[in-house]
C-alpha atoms as a PDB file:
ATOM      1  CA  MET A   1       2.077   5.819 -10.457  1.00  0.00           C
ATOM      2  CA  LYS A   2       4.677   7.530  -8.320  1.00  0.00           C
ATOM      3  CA  ILE A   3       4.846   8.584  -4.461  1.00  0.00           C
ATOM      4  CA  GLY A   4       2.313  10.997  -3.226  1.00  0.00           C
ATOM      5  CA  ASP A   5      -0.420   9.708  -5.796  1.00  0.00           C
ATOM      6  CA  ARG A   6      -3.773   9.175  -4.370  1.00  0.00           C
ATOM      7  CA  VAL A   7      -4.873   5.608  -5.016  1.00  0.00           C
ATOM      8  CA  ARG A   8      -7.984   3.116  -4.821  1.00  0.00           C
ATOM      9  CA  VAL A   9      -7.841  -0.565  -4.165  1.00  0.00           C
ATOM     10  CA  LYS A  10      -9.482  -1.930  -7.489  1.00  0.00           C
ATOM     11  CA  THR A  11      -9.948  -5.601  -6.745  1.00  0.00           C
ATOM     12  CA  SER A  12     -11.082  -7.762  -3.933  1.00  0.00           C
ATOM     13  CA  LEU A  13      -8.197  -7.512  -1.475  1.00  0.00           C
ATOM     14  CA  VAL A  14      -8.821  -9.448   1.911  1.00  0.00           C
ATOM     15  CA  ILE A  15      -6.387  -8.546   4.661  1.00  0.00           C
ATOM     16  CA  TYR A  16      -6.127  -9.806   8.189  1.00  0.00           C
ATOM     17  CA  HIS A  17      -3.991  -6.935  10.119  1.00  0.00           C
ATOM     18  CA  HIS A  18      -6.176  -3.926   9.911  1.00  0.00           C
ATOM     19  CA  PRO A  19      -6.058  -2.338  13.503  1.00  0.00           C
ATOM     20  CA  LYS A  20     -10.179  -2.523  14.250  1.00  0.00           C
ATOM     21  CA  HIS A  21     -10.401  -5.997  13.219  1.00  0.00           C
ATOM     22  CA  ARG A  22      -7.425  -7.789  14.182  1.00  0.00           C
ATOM     23  CA  ASN A  23      -7.269 -11.524  12.785  1.00  0.00           C
ATOM     24  CA  ALA A  24     -10.565 -11.317  11.085  1.00  0.00           C
ATOM     25  CA  ALA A  25     -10.901 -10.751   7.439  1.00  0.00           C
ATOM     26  CA  PHE A  26     -11.127  -7.276   6.191  1.00  0.00           C
ATOM     27  CA  ASP A  27     -12.117  -6.456   2.610  1.00  0.00           C
ATOM     28  CA  LEU A  28      -9.817  -3.469   1.082  1.00  0.00           C
ATOM     29  CA  GLN A  29     -11.751  -3.031  -1.880  1.00  0.00           C
ATOM     30  CA  ASN A  30     -12.555   0.593  -2.990  1.00  0.00           C
ATOM     31  CA  HIS A  31     -10.458   2.090   0.007  1.00  0.00           C
ATOM     32  CA  GLU A  32      -8.391   5.334  -0.794  1.00  0.00           C
ATOM     33  CA  GLY A  33      -4.699   5.930   0.074  1.00  0.00           C
ATOM     34  CA  GLU A  34      -1.518   7.525  -0.347  1.00  0.00           C
ATOM     35  CA  VAL A  35       1.578   5.971  -2.050  1.00  0.00           C
ATOM     36  CA  ILE A  36       4.421   6.624   0.357  1.00  0.00           C
ATOM     37  CA  ASP A  37       7.013   4.007  -1.130  1.00  0.00           C
ATOM     38  CA  TRP A  38       8.315   1.772  -3.208  1.00  0.00           C
ATOM     39  CA  ALA A  39       9.950  -1.229  -2.000  1.00  0.00           C
ATOM     40  CA  SER A  40      12.603  -1.634  -4.820  1.00  0.00           C
ATOM     41  CA  THR A  41      15.362  -0.645  -2.848  1.00  0.00           C
ATOM     42  CA  TYR A  42      16.702  -1.562   0.415  1.00  0.00           C
ATOM     43  CA  ASN A  43      19.740   0.362   2.602  1.00  0.00           C
ATOM     44  CA  TRP A  44      21.597  -2.608   3.698  1.00  0.00           C
ATOM     45  CA  LYS A  45      24.747  -1.456   5.911  1.00  0.00           C
ATOM     46  CA  GLY A  46      24.818   1.846   4.398  1.00  0.00           C
ATOM     47  CA  GLU A  47      24.434   0.645   0.665  1.00  0.00           C
ATOM     48  CA  GLU A  48      21.378   0.880  -1.410  1.00  0.00           C
ATOM     49  CA  VAL A  49      20.652  -2.506  -2.854  1.00  0.00           C
ATOM     50  CA  THR A  50      18.129  -3.118  -5.367  1.00  0.00           C
ATOM     51  CA  ILE A  51      15.368  -6.266  -4.547  1.00  0.00           C
ATOM     52  CA  SER A  52      12.514  -7.657  -6.260  1.00  0.00           C
ATOM     53  CA  ALA A  53       9.491  -7.291  -3.847  1.00  0.00           C
ATOM     54  CA  ASN A  54       6.523  -9.182  -4.685  1.00  0.00           C
ATOM     55  CA  PHE A  55       4.290  -6.176  -3.325  1.00  0.00           C
ATOM     56  CA  PRO A  56       6.402  -3.203  -3.991  1.00  0.00           C
ATOM     57  CA  VAL A  57       3.659  -0.616  -3.514  1.00  0.00           C
ATOM     58  CA  VAL A  58       3.557   0.670  -0.149  1.00  0.00           C
ATOM     59  CA  VAL A  59       0.212   2.338   0.727  1.00  0.00           C
ATOM     60  CA  LYS A  60      -0.648   4.147   3.461  1.00  0.00           C
ATOM     61  CA  PHE A  61      -4.722   4.459   4.632  1.00  0.00           C
ATOM     62  CA  SER A  62      -5.167   7.590   6.602  1.00  0.00           C
ATOM     63  CA  GLU A  63      -8.742   7.034   6.731  1.00  0.00           C
ATOM     64  CA  ILE A  64      -8.122   3.630   8.568  1.00  0.00           C
ATOM     65  CA  SER A  65      -5.408   4.602  11.350  1.00  0.00           C
ATOM     66  CA  LYS A  66      -2.683   7.351  11.156  1.00  0.00           C
ATOM     67  CA  ARG A  67      -0.073   4.645  10.911  1.00  0.00           C
ATOM     68  CA  PHE A  68      -1.638   2.043   8.634  1.00  0.00           C
ATOM     69  CA  LYS A  69       0.504   1.030   5.548  1.00  0.00           C
ATOM     70  CA  VAL A  70      -0.128  -1.799   3.569  1.00  0.00           C
ATOM     71  CA  HIS A  71       2.252  -3.465   0.669  1.00  0.00           C
ATOM     72  CA  LEU A  72       0.373  -3.825  -2.615  1.00  0.00           C
ATOM     73  CA  ARG A  73       1.052  -4.749  -6.421  1.00  0.00           C
ATOM     74  CA  GLU A  74       0.470  -1.912  -9.106  1.00  0.00           C
ATOM     75  CA  ASP A  75      -2.503  -4.046 -10.541  1.00  0.00           C
ATOM     76  CA  GLU A  76      -4.504  -4.242  -7.420  1.00  0.00           C
ATOM     77  CA  LEU A  77      -4.446  -0.126  -7.531  1.00  0.00           C
ATOM     78  CA  GLU A  78      -5.905   2.526  -9.660  1.00  0.00           C
ATOM     79  CA  VAL A  79      -4.733   6.364  -9.473  1.00  0.00           C
ATOM     80  CA  ILE A  80      -7.262   8.790  -8.708  1.00  0.00           C
ATOM     81  CA  GLU A  81      -7.686  11.842 -11.071  1.00  0.00           C
ATOM     82  CA  GLY A  82      -8.333  15.209 -10.455  1.00  0.00           C
ATOM     83  CA  GLU A  83      -8.982  15.433  -6.536  1.00  0.00           C
END
């Protein structure tokens, strides 16, 4: 999995920060998005610092909102091939 890959959420994953369902449970299972970043480094005072994020994959779900992003684990996602 790399930046730019299309991915699908393969497990039941309930979130509470969906823009149209604020503070209500929303399941992301089977929703598709794009990997836009890895939260494995952090720019601290101009210096790249390696970090160990619990949810390192940053996925943007354009179908939900232009700016809606979620941090996920690799095992919660599957890469969509051939689209």
